[in-house]
Amino acid sequence: MKTTQILIAGFGGQGILFAGKFLAYKGLLEEQQVSWLPSYGPEMRGGTANCSVILSEEAIGSPIITAPDVLIAMNLPSLKKYEDAVVPGGAIYVDSTLIHEQVARTDVTVHYIPATQMARDAGAGNLANMVMMGHVLQSCPELSFDGTETTVQKLVPAKKAALVELNLKALQLGRDYEG
């Protein structure tokens, strides 16, 4: 596996930081080198949030990502802000429930996933982030869906154990999406 730089961005309250933490924790369980750098505005819920995750077989020199290989955009302001930063040949994942514009670039692979609507329809209304993660893990060649169950079980706190199955359901929805 090469070094993969992933930027997840959206509004506070969309689970941006949890999605990044999930990827980072999964990388740790797979014995990769990991960097997880959350960032959010002072507004928290409803404000901007983004999270940088770097997964690598080699030591990571800096947690700062200026040119992500993968962008996961959960809202239009995030897509507009980071679309041009993605490396040529990279991938952009768009929550098409909330973003109705198309990505203008032709030198990246674009995935439109109606994650928010899929989560709502499945009774997992606030887990669009995990629907996106499931699709990213399934479709990004540098990543793998393997080990997601173990990661979720270790990451979800005991007091929220009921959310384990819901998170796994959301991940599976994203994995199975073929839009």
N, C-alpha and C. Protein backbone atom coordinates (compact mmCIF):
# COMPACT_ATOMS: atom_id res chain seq x y z
N MET A 1 0.84 -1.19 0.00
CA MET A 1 0.00 0.00 0.00
C MET A 1 0.88 1.24 0.00
N LYS A 2 0.56 2.14 -0.85
CA LYS A 2 1.27 3.42 -0.85
C LYS A 2 0.68 4.31 0.23
N THR A 3 1.18 5.49 0.34
CA THR A 3 0.60 6.46 1.25
C THR A 3 -0.67 7.02 0.62
N THR A 4 -1.75 7.00 1.37
CA THR A 4 -3.03 7.52 0.90
C THR A 4 -3.45 8.66 1.81
N GLN A 5 -3.70 9.81 1.20
CA GLN A 5 -4.12 10.99 1.95
C GLN A 5 -5.60 11.24 1.68
N ILE A 6 -6.38 11.28 2.74
CA ILE A 6 -7.83 11.38 2.64
C ILE A 6 -8.30 12.62 3.39
N LEU A 7 -9.13 13.41 2.74
CA LEU A 7 -9.71 14.59 3.37
C LEU A 7 -11.23 14.41 3.39
N ILE A 8 -11.80 14.48 4.57
CA ILE A 8 -13.25 14.36 4.75
C ILE A 8 -13.73 15.72 5.21
N ALA A 9 -14.76 16.28 4.53
CA ALA A 9 -15.18 17.63 4.87
C ALA A 9 -16.70 17.78 4.77
N GLY A 10 -17.24 18.61 5.67
CA GLY A 10 -18.67 18.87 5.69
C GLY A 10 -19.02 19.81 6.82
N PHE A 11 -20.28 19.75 7.26
CA PHE A 11 -20.74 20.54 8.39
C PHE A 11 -20.52 19.79 9.68
N GLY A 12 -20.33 20.51 10.77
CA GLY A 12 -20.31 19.89 12.09
C GLY A 12 -21.64 19.19 12.32
N GLY A 13 -21.62 18.03 12.94
CA GLY A 13 -22.83 17.28 13.18
C GLY A 13 -23.08 16.20 12.14
N GLN A 14 -22.28 16.18 11.06
CA GLN A 14 -22.43 15.16 10.02
C GLN A 14 -21.55 13.93 10.30
N GLY A 15 -20.83 13.93 11.40
CA GLY A 15 -19.98 12.79 11.72
C GLY A 15 -18.66 12.78 10.96
N ILE A 16 -18.21 13.95 10.55
CA ILE A 16 -16.96 14.07 9.79
C ILE A 16 -15.78 13.55 10.62
N LEU A 17 -15.69 13.99 11.87
CA LEU A 17 -14.57 13.59 12.71
C LEU A 17 -14.64 12.11 13.06
N PHE A 18 -15.85 11.59 13.29
CA PHE A 18 -16.00 10.16 13.58
C PHE A 18 -15.58 9.32 12.37
N ALA A 19 -15.95 9.76 11.17
CA ALA A 19 -15.57 9.03 9.95
C ALA A 19 -14.05 8.97 9.82
N GLY A 20 -13.40 10.09 10.10
CA GLY A 20 -11.94 10.12 10.04
C GLY A 20 -11.32 9.24 11.11
N LYS A 21 -11.90 9.30 12.30
CA LYS A 21 -11.41 8.47 13.40
C LYS A 21 -11.57 6.98 13.05
N PHE A 22 -12.69 6.64 12.42
CA PHE A 22 -12.93 5.27 11.98
C PHE A 22 -11.83 4.81 11.02
N LEU A 23 -11.53 5.63 10.00
CA LEU A 23 -10.47 5.25 9.04
C LEU A 23 -9.11 5.12 9.72
N ALA A 24 -8.82 6.06 10.62
CA ALA A 24 -7.55 6.02 11.33
C ALA A 24 -7.44 4.78 12.21
N TYR A 25 -8.49 4.48 12.94
CA TYR A 25 -8.49 3.32 13.83
C TYR A 25 -8.37 2.03 13.03
N LYS A 26 -9.07 1.98 11.90
CA LYS A 26 -8.98 0.81 11.02
C LYS A 26 -7.54 0.63 10.54
N GLY A 27 -6.90 1.74 10.19
CA GLY A 27 -5.50 1.69 9.77
C GLY A 27 -4.59 1.18 10.89
N LEU A 28 -4.84 1.63 12.11
CA LEU A 28 -4.05 1.15 13.26
C LEU A 28 -4.21 -0.35 13.45
N LEU A 29 -5.44 -0.83 13.34
CA LEU A 29 -5.69 -2.27 13.50
C LEU A 29 -5.02 -3.08 12.40
N GLU A 30 -4.80 -2.45 11.25
CA GLU A 30 -4.12 -3.10 10.12
C GLU A 30 -2.61 -2.87 10.17
N GLU A 31 -2.14 -2.29 11.27
CA GLU A 31 -0.72 -2.05 11.53
C GLU A 31 -0.08 -1.11 10.50
N GLN A 32 -0.85 -0.13 10.07
CA GLN A 32 -0.33 0.90 9.18
C GLN A 32 0.14 2.09 10.02
N GLN A 33 0.92 2.94 9.41
CA GLN A 33 1.25 4.23 10.01
C GLN A 33 0.04 5.13 9.76
N VAL A 34 -0.35 5.90 10.77
CA VAL A 34 -1.59 6.66 10.68
C VAL A 34 -1.39 8.08 11.21
N SER A 35 -2.05 9.01 10.52
CA SER A 35 -2.17 10.37 11.04
C SER A 35 -3.65 10.74 10.94
N TRP A 36 -4.19 11.30 12.02
CA TRP A 36 -5.58 11.76 12.06
C TRP A 36 -5.57 13.17 12.60
N LEU A 37 -6.01 14.12 11.78
CA LEU A 37 -5.98 15.52 12.19
C LEU A 37 -7.36 16.15 12.00
N PRO A 38 -8.14 16.22 13.09
CA PRO A 38 -9.47 16.84 12.99
C PRO A 38 -9.37 18.36 13.03
N SER A 39 -10.33 19.01 12.38
CA SER A 39 -10.39 20.46 12.40
C SER A 39 -11.84 20.88 12.31
N TYR A 40 -12.25 21.76 13.19
CA TYR A 40 -13.63 22.23 13.15
C TYR A 40 -13.70 23.66 13.63
N GLY A 41 -14.71 24.35 13.08
CA GLY A 41 -14.92 25.74 13.46
C GLY A 41 -15.48 25.84 14.86
N PRO A 42 -15.48 27.02 15.44
CA PRO A 42 -15.96 27.20 16.81
C PRO A 42 -17.46 26.93 16.95
N GLU A 43 -18.19 26.92 15.84
CA GLU A 43 -19.63 26.70 15.92
C GLU A 43 -19.97 25.25 16.20
N MET A 44 -19.04 24.33 15.93
CA MET A 44 -19.26 22.89 16.05
C MET A 44 -20.45 22.48 15.20
N ARG A 45 -21.53 22.09 15.82
CA ARG A 45 -22.69 21.59 15.07
C ARG A 45 -23.20 22.69 14.13
N GLY A 46 -23.17 22.39 12.85
CA GLY A 46 -23.62 23.36 11.86
C GLY A 46 -22.48 24.18 11.28
N GLY A 47 -21.35 24.25 11.98
CA GLY A 47 -20.18 24.95 11.45
C GLY A 47 -19.39 24.03 10.54
N THR A 48 -18.28 24.48 10.05
CA THR A 48 -17.48 23.65 9.16
C THR A 48 -16.65 22.65 9.95
N ALA A 49 -16.43 21.52 9.34
CA ALA A 49 -15.58 20.50 9.95
C ALA A 49 -14.86 19.77 8.84
N ASN A 50 -13.62 19.43 9.10
CA ASN A 50 -12.91 18.56 8.17
C ASN A 50 -11.91 17.73 8.95
N CYS A 51 -11.49 16.68 8.32
CA CYS A 51 -10.60 15.74 9.00
C CYS A 51 -9.63 15.18 7.96
N SER A 52 -8.36 15.25 8.26
CA SER A 52 -7.33 14.70 7.40
C SER A 52 -6.86 13.37 7.96
N VAL A 53 -6.83 12.35 7.12
CA VAL A 53 -6.35 11.03 7.52
C VAL A 53 -5.29 10.60 6.51
N ILE A 54 -4.15 10.20 7.03
CA ILE A 54 -3.09 9.67 6.18
C ILE A 54 -2.83 8.24 6.63
N LEU A 55 -2.84 7.32 5.67
CA LEU A 55 -2.55 5.91 5.92
C LEU A 55 -1.35 5.53 5.09
N SER A 56 -0.37 4.87 5.71
CA SER A 56 0.86 4.57 5.00
C SER A 56 1.57 3.36 5.59
N GLU A 57 2.41 2.74 4.78
CA GLU A 57 3.28 1.68 5.29
C GLU A 57 4.56 2.26 5.87
N GLU A 58 4.84 3.52 5.52
CA GLU A 58 6.06 4.19 5.97
C GLU A 58 5.71 5.29 6.96
N ALA A 59 6.72 5.76 7.67
CA ALA A 59 6.52 6.84 8.63
C ALA A 59 5.94 8.06 7.92
N ILE A 60 5.07 8.77 8.60
CA ILE A 60 4.40 9.95 8.05
C ILE A 60 5.12 11.18 8.58
N GLY A 61 5.62 12.00 7.66
CA GLY A 61 6.41 13.15 8.06
C GLY A 61 5.60 14.32 8.58
N SER A 62 4.38 14.49 8.07
CA SER A 62 3.55 15.63 8.47
C SER A 62 2.08 15.25 8.37
N PRO A 63 1.28 15.70 9.33
CA PRO A 63 -0.16 15.39 9.28
C PRO A 63 -0.95 16.33 8.35
N ILE A 64 -0.28 17.32 7.78
CA ILE A 64 -0.95 18.31 6.95
C ILE A 64 -1.11 17.77 5.53
N ILE A 65 -2.33 17.85 5.02
CA ILE A 65 -2.61 17.41 3.65
C ILE A 65 -2.92 18.65 2.81
N THR A 66 -2.13 18.86 1.77
CA THR A 66 -2.41 19.97 0.85
C THR A 66 -2.96 19.47 -0.48
N ALA A 67 -2.67 18.21 -0.80
CA ALA A 67 -3.15 17.62 -2.06
C ALA A 67 -3.65 16.20 -1.77
N PRO A 68 -4.93 16.08 -1.36
CA PRO A 68 -5.45 14.77 -1.02
C PRO A 68 -5.58 13.85 -2.23
N ASP A 69 -5.41 12.55 -1.98
CA ASP A 69 -5.68 11.54 -3.00
C ASP A 69 -7.18 11.30 -3.08
N VAL A 70 -7.85 11.44 -1.94
CA VAL A 70 -9.28 11.18 -1.83
C VAL A 70 -9.94 12.35 -1.09
N LEU A 71 -11.01 12.87 -1.66
CA LEU A 71 -11.83 13.88 -1.00
C LEU A 71 -13.22 13.30 -0.82
N ILE A 72 -13.72 13.38 0.41
CA ILE A 72 -15.09 12.99 0.72
C ILE A 72 -15.81 14.28 1.10
N ALA A 73 -16.69 14.74 0.21
CA ALA A 73 -17.39 16.01 0.41
C ALA A 73 -18.83 15.74 0.82
N MET A 74 -19.18 16.19 2.02
CA MET A 74 -20.52 15.96 2.55
C MET A 74 -21.44 17.17 2.38
N ASN A 75 -20.90 18.30 1.88
CA ASN A 75 -21.73 19.47 1.60
C ASN A 75 -21.08 20.29 0.48
N LEU A 76 -21.86 21.17 -0.12
CA LEU A 76 -21.39 21.96 -1.27
C LEU A 76 -20.22 22.88 -0.93
N PRO A 77 -20.26 23.62 0.20
CA PRO A 77 -19.10 24.47 0.50
C PRO A 77 -17.79 23.69 0.57
N SER A 78 -17.84 22.47 1.09
CA SER A 78 -16.62 21.65 1.17
C SER A 78 -16.16 21.21 -0.21
N LEU A 79 -17.09 20.82 -1.06
CA LEU A 79 -16.72 20.44 -2.42
C LEU A 79 -16.06 21.61 -3.13
N LYS A 80 -16.68 22.77 -3.05
CA LYS A 80 -16.13 23.96 -3.71
C LYS A 80 -14.74 24.32 -3.17
N LYS A 81 -14.57 24.19 -1.86
CA LYS A 81 -13.31 24.58 -1.24
C LYS A 81 -12.16 23.64 -1.59
N TYR A 82 -12.44 22.32 -1.67
CA TYR A 82 -11.35 21.35 -1.79
C TYR A 82 -11.25 20.63 -3.13
N GLU A 83 -12.23 20.79 -4.01
CA GLU A 83 -12.23 20.07 -5.29
C GLU A 83 -10.92 20.24 -6.05
N ASP A 84 -10.43 21.45 -6.17
CA ASP A 84 -9.23 21.71 -6.95
C ASP A 84 -7.95 21.21 -6.28
N ALA A 85 -8.01 20.89 -5.00
CA ALA A 85 -6.81 20.43 -4.29
C ALA A 85 -6.50 18.95 -4.55
N VAL A 86 -7.49 18.17 -4.96
CA VAL A 86 -7.30 16.73 -5.16
C VAL A 86 -6.29 16.49 -6.28
N VAL A 87 -5.39 15.54 -6.05
CA VAL A 87 -4.35 15.26 -7.04
C VAL A 87 -4.99 14.71 -8.32
N PRO A 88 -4.41 15.03 -9.49
CA PRO A 88 -4.89 14.40 -10.72
C PRO A 88 -4.81 12.88 -10.58
N GLY A 89 -5.86 12.19 -10.99
CA GLY A 89 -5.92 10.75 -10.82
C GLY A 89 -6.53 10.34 -9.50
N GLY A 90 -6.83 11.31 -8.64
CA GLY A 90 -7.43 11.03 -7.34
C GLY A 90 -8.92 10.76 -7.47
N ALA A 91 -9.59 10.71 -6.33
CA ALA A 91 -11.02 10.40 -6.30
C ALA A 91 -11.77 11.40 -5.43
N ILE A 92 -12.97 11.75 -5.88
CA ILE A 92 -13.85 12.62 -5.11
C ILE A 92 -15.16 11.87 -4.89
N TYR A 93 -15.56 11.80 -3.62
CA TYR A 93 -16.82 11.17 -3.22
C TYR A 93 -17.76 12.27 -2.77
N VAL A 94 -18.95 12.33 -3.36
CA VAL A 94 -19.89 13.41 -3.14
C VAL A 94 -21.19 12.85 -2.58
N ASP A 95 -21.69 13.45 -1.48
CA ASP A 95 -23.01 13.09 -0.98
C ASP A 95 -24.03 13.80 -1.87
N SER A 96 -24.55 13.08 -2.86
CA SER A 96 -25.41 13.69 -3.87
C SER A 96 -26.80 14.04 -3.35
N THR A 97 -27.14 13.63 -2.13
CA THR A 97 -28.39 14.08 -1.53
C THR A 97 -28.30 15.58 -1.22
N LEU A 98 -27.14 16.01 -0.76
CA LEU A 98 -26.96 17.39 -0.33
C LEU A 98 -26.24 18.26 -1.35
N ILE A 99 -25.57 17.64 -2.30
CA ILE A 99 -24.80 18.38 -3.30
C ILE A 99 -25.40 18.06 -4.67
N HIS A 100 -25.99 19.07 -5.29
CA HIS A 100 -26.65 18.85 -6.57
C HIS A 100 -25.80 19.29 -7.75
N GLU A 101 -24.64 19.86 -7.49
CA GLU A 101 -23.75 20.26 -8.57
C GLU A 101 -22.82 19.11 -8.93
N GLN A 102 -22.36 19.13 -10.17
CA GLN A 102 -21.43 18.12 -10.65
C GLN A 102 -20.00 18.62 -10.46
N VAL A 103 -19.09 17.70 -10.26
CA VAL A 103 -17.67 18.04 -10.17
C VAL A 103 -17.21 18.44 -11.57
N ALA A 104 -16.52 19.57 -11.65
CA ALA A 104 -16.11 20.11 -12.95
C ALA A 104 -14.87 19.40 -13.52
N ARG A 105 -14.07 18.85 -12.67
CA ARG A 105 -12.80 18.26 -13.12
C ARG A 105 -13.02 16.96 -13.89
N THR A 106 -12.14 16.73 -14.86
CA THR A 106 -12.20 15.49 -15.64
C THR A 106 -11.00 14.60 -15.39
N ASP A 107 -10.07 15.05 -14.55
CA ASP A 107 -8.85 14.27 -14.29
C ASP A 107 -8.90 13.51 -12.97
N VAL A 108 -10.10 13.38 -12.41
CA VAL A 108 -10.31 12.63 -11.17
C VAL A 108 -11.50 11.70 -11.37
N THR A 109 -11.57 10.65 -10.57
CA THR A 109 -12.73 9.77 -10.57
C THR A 109 -13.73 10.33 -9.57
N VAL A 110 -14.99 10.43 -9.98
CA VAL A 110 -16.01 11.01 -9.12
C VAL A 110 -17.09 9.97 -8.83
N HIS A 111 -17.45 9.88 -7.56
CA HIS A 111 -18.51 8.97 -7.11
C HIS A 111 -19.60 9.81 -6.47
N TYR A 112 -20.81 9.70 -7.00
CA TYR A 112 -21.97 10.39 -6.43
C TYR A 112 -22.78 9.37 -5.65
N ILE A 113 -22.85 9.54 -4.35
CA ILE A 113 -23.56 8.60 -3.47
C ILE A 113 -24.62 9.39 -2.71
N PRO A 114 -25.90 9.02 -2.83
CA PRO A 114 -26.94 9.73 -2.08
C PRO A 114 -26.96 9.26 -0.62
N ALA A 115 -25.86 9.46 0.06
CA ALA A 115 -25.65 8.87 1.39
C ALA A 115 -26.68 9.33 2.42
N THR A 116 -27.01 10.60 2.44
CA THR A 116 -27.96 11.10 3.43
C THR A 116 -29.33 10.45 3.22
N GLN A 117 -29.77 10.36 1.97
CA GLN A 117 -31.07 9.75 1.69
C GLN A 117 -31.03 8.25 1.99
N MET A 118 -29.95 7.58 1.64
CA MET A 118 -29.82 6.15 1.92
C MET A 118 -29.89 5.88 3.42
N ALA A 119 -29.20 6.71 4.20
CA ALA A 119 -29.21 6.54 5.66
C ALA A 119 -30.62 6.76 6.21
N ARG A 120 -31.29 7.81 5.73
CA ARG A 120 -32.66 8.09 6.18
C ARG A 120 -33.59 6.91 5.86
N ASP A 121 -33.52 6.44 4.62
CA ASP A 121 -34.40 5.35 4.16
C ASP A 121 -34.18 4.07 4.97
N ALA A 122 -32.97 3.89 5.47
CA ALA A 122 -32.64 2.68 6.22
C ALA A 122 -32.86 2.84 7.72
N GLY A 123 -33.37 3.99 8.13
CA GLY A 123 -33.59 4.22 9.56
C GLY A 123 -32.31 4.56 10.30
N ALA A 124 -31.31 5.01 9.57
CA ALA A 124 -30.02 5.40 10.16
C ALA A 124 -29.73 6.84 9.78
N GLY A 125 -30.70 7.70 10.02
CA GLY A 125 -30.68 9.07 9.53
C GLY A 125 -29.42 9.87 9.73
N ASN A 126 -28.72 9.66 10.82
CA ASN A 126 -27.52 10.47 11.08
C ASN A 126 -26.22 9.73 10.72
N LEU A 127 -26.32 8.66 9.95
CA LEU A 127 -25.12 7.88 9.63
C LEU A 127 -24.73 7.93 8.15
N ALA A 128 -25.03 9.06 7.50
CA ALA A 128 -24.60 9.23 6.10
C ALA A 128 -23.08 9.13 6.01
N ASN A 129 -22.38 9.57 7.05
CA ASN A 129 -20.93 9.48 7.07
C ASN A 129 -20.45 8.03 6.91
N MET A 130 -21.14 7.11 7.56
CA MET A 130 -20.72 5.70 7.48
C MET A 130 -21.17 5.05 6.17
N VAL A 131 -22.26 5.53 5.59
CA VAL A 131 -22.64 5.08 4.25
C VAL A 131 -21.51 5.46 3.28
N MET A 132 -21.04 6.70 3.39
CA MET A 132 -19.93 7.15 2.55
C MET A 132 -18.68 6.30 2.79
N MET A 133 -18.37 6.03 4.07
CA MET A 133 -17.19 5.23 4.38
C MET A 133 -17.28 3.84 3.74
N GLY A 134 -18.45 3.23 3.80
CA GLY A 134 -18.62 1.91 3.19
C GLY A 134 -18.32 1.94 1.71
N HIS A 135 -18.79 2.98 1.02
CA HIS A 135 -18.54 3.07 -0.42
C HIS A 135 -17.07 3.37 -0.70
N VAL A 136 -16.48 4.23 0.08
CA VAL A 136 -15.06 4.55 -0.10
C VAL A 136 -14.20 3.30 0.10
N LEU A 137 -14.45 2.56 1.17
CA LEU A 137 -13.66 1.36 1.44
C LEU A 137 -13.82 0.32 0.34
N GLN A 138 -15.01 0.22 -0.23
CA GLN A 138 -15.27 -0.75 -1.28
C GLN A 138 -14.64 -0.35 -2.61
N SER A 139 -14.64 0.93 -2.92
CA SER A 139 -14.25 1.36 -4.27
C SER A 139 -12.84 1.94 -4.39
N CYS A 140 -12.22 2.30 -3.31
CA CYS A 140 -10.87 2.88 -3.36
C CYS A 140 -9.85 1.74 -3.32
N PRO A 141 -9.06 1.58 -4.38
CA PRO A 141 -8.15 0.43 -4.46
C PRO A 141 -7.12 0.34 -3.32
N GLU A 142 -6.77 1.47 -2.72
CA GLU A 142 -5.77 1.46 -1.64
C GLU A 142 -6.37 1.06 -0.30
N LEU A 143 -7.69 0.97 -0.23
CA LEU A 143 -8.36 0.66 1.02
C LEU A 143 -9.08 -0.68 0.91
N SER A 144 -9.63 -1.15 2.00
CA SER A 144 -10.32 -2.43 2.01
C SER A 144 -11.49 -2.39 2.98
N PHE A 145 -12.54 -3.10 2.64
CA PHE A 145 -13.70 -3.20 3.52
C PHE A 145 -13.44 -4.19 4.66
N ASP A 146 -12.46 -5.07 4.48
CA ASP A 146 -12.14 -6.07 5.49
C ASP A 146 -11.83 -5.40 6.83
N GLY A 147 -12.30 -5.99 7.90
CA GLY A 147 -11.99 -5.49 9.24
C GLY A 147 -12.91 -4.40 9.74
N THR A 148 -13.94 -4.04 8.96
CA THR A 148 -14.81 -2.95 9.41
C THR A 148 -15.59 -3.32 10.67
N GLU A 149 -16.02 -4.56 10.78
CA GLU A 149 -16.81 -4.95 11.95
C GLU A 149 -15.97 -4.83 13.22
N THR A 150 -14.75 -5.32 13.18
CA THR A 150 -13.86 -5.23 14.35
C THR A 150 -13.60 -3.77 14.70
N THR A 151 -13.38 -2.95 13.68
CA THR A 151 -13.10 -1.53 13.92
C THR A 151 -14.29 -0.86 14.60
N VAL A 152 -15.48 -1.09 14.09
CA VAL A 152 -16.68 -0.47 14.69
C VAL A 152 -16.87 -0.94 16.12
N GLN A 153 -16.70 -2.23 16.36
CA GLN A 153 -16.88 -2.76 17.71
C GLN A 153 -15.91 -2.14 18.70
N LYS A 154 -14.69 -1.88 18.26
CA LYS A 154 -13.69 -1.29 19.15
C LYS A 154 -13.86 0.22 19.29
N LEU A 155 -14.40 0.86 18.27
CA LEU A 155 -14.48 2.32 18.25
C LEU A 155 -15.73 2.88 18.94
N VAL A 156 -16.85 2.19 18.81
CA VAL A 156 -18.10 2.67 19.42
C VAL A 156 -18.02 2.41 20.92
N PRO A 157 -18.21 3.44 21.74
CA PRO A 157 -18.10 3.27 23.19
C PRO A 157 -19.18 2.33 23.73
N ALA A 158 -18.87 1.67 24.83
CA ALA A 158 -19.78 0.68 25.43
C ALA A 158 -21.14 1.29 25.75
N LYS A 159 -21.17 2.55 26.18
CA LYS A 159 -22.45 3.17 26.51
C LYS A 159 -23.32 3.41 25.28
N LYS A 160 -22.73 3.27 24.08
CA LYS A 160 -23.49 3.43 22.84
C LYS A 160 -23.47 2.14 22.03
N ALA A 161 -23.37 1.01 22.70
CA ALA A 161 -23.25 -0.29 22.05
C ALA A 161 -24.36 -0.56 21.05
N ALA A 162 -25.54 0.01 21.28
CA ALA A 162 -26.66 -0.19 20.35
C ALA A 162 -26.36 0.38 18.96
N LEU A 163 -25.39 1.29 18.88
CA LEU A 163 -25.05 1.90 17.59
C LEU A 163 -24.12 1.03 16.74
N VAL A 164 -23.57 -0.03 17.32
CA VAL A 164 -22.67 -0.89 16.55
C VAL A 164 -23.39 -1.46 15.33
N GLU A 165 -24.53 -2.07 15.54
CA GLU A 165 -25.27 -2.69 14.43
C GLU A 165 -25.71 -1.64 13.41
N LEU A 166 -26.12 -0.47 13.87
CA LEU A 166 -26.56 0.58 12.96
C LEU A 166 -25.39 1.08 12.10
N ASN A 167 -24.22 1.23 12.70
CA ASN A 167 -23.03 1.63 11.94
C ASN A 167 -22.65 0.56 10.92
N LEU A 168 -22.73 -0.69 11.32
CA LEU A 168 -22.40 -1.79 10.38
C LEU A 168 -23.40 -1.82 9.23
N LYS A 169 -24.66 -1.56 9.53
CA LYS A 169 -25.70 -1.51 8.49
C LYS A 169 -25.40 -0.38 7.50
N ALA A 170 -25.04 0.79 8.02
CA ALA A 170 -24.73 1.94 7.17
C ALA A 170 -23.50 1.65 6.30
N LEU A 171 -22.48 1.06 6.88
CA LEU A 171 -21.29 0.68 6.10
C LEU A 171 -21.65 -0.26 4.96
N GLN A 172 -22.49 -1.24 5.26
CA GLN A 172 -22.90 -2.22 4.25
C GLN A 172 -23.71 -1.56 3.14
N LEU A 173 -24.57 -0.62 3.49
CA LEU A 173 -25.34 0.12 2.48
C LEU A 173 -24.39 0.81 1.50
N GLY A 174 -23.38 1.47 2.02
CA GLY A 174 -22.41 2.14 1.16
C GLY A 174 -21.62 1.17 0.32
N ARG A 175 -21.25 0.06 0.92
CA ARG A 175 -20.49 -0.97 0.20
C ARG A 175 -21.30 -1.50 -0.98
N ASP A 176 -22.59 -1.71 -0.78
CA ASP A 176 -23.44 -2.29 -1.81
C ASP A 176 -23.91 -1.31 -2.87
N TYR A 177 -23.74 -0.02 -2.63
CA TYR A 177 -24.25 0.99 -3.57
C TYR A 177 -23.46 0.95 -4.88
N GLU A 178 -24.18 0.90 -5.99
CA GLU A 178 -23.52 0.81 -7.29
C GLU A 178 -23.96 1.93 -8.22
N GLY A 179 -24.18 3.12 -7.71
CA GLY A 179 -24.66 4.23 -8.53
C GLY A 179 -23.66 4.80 -9.47
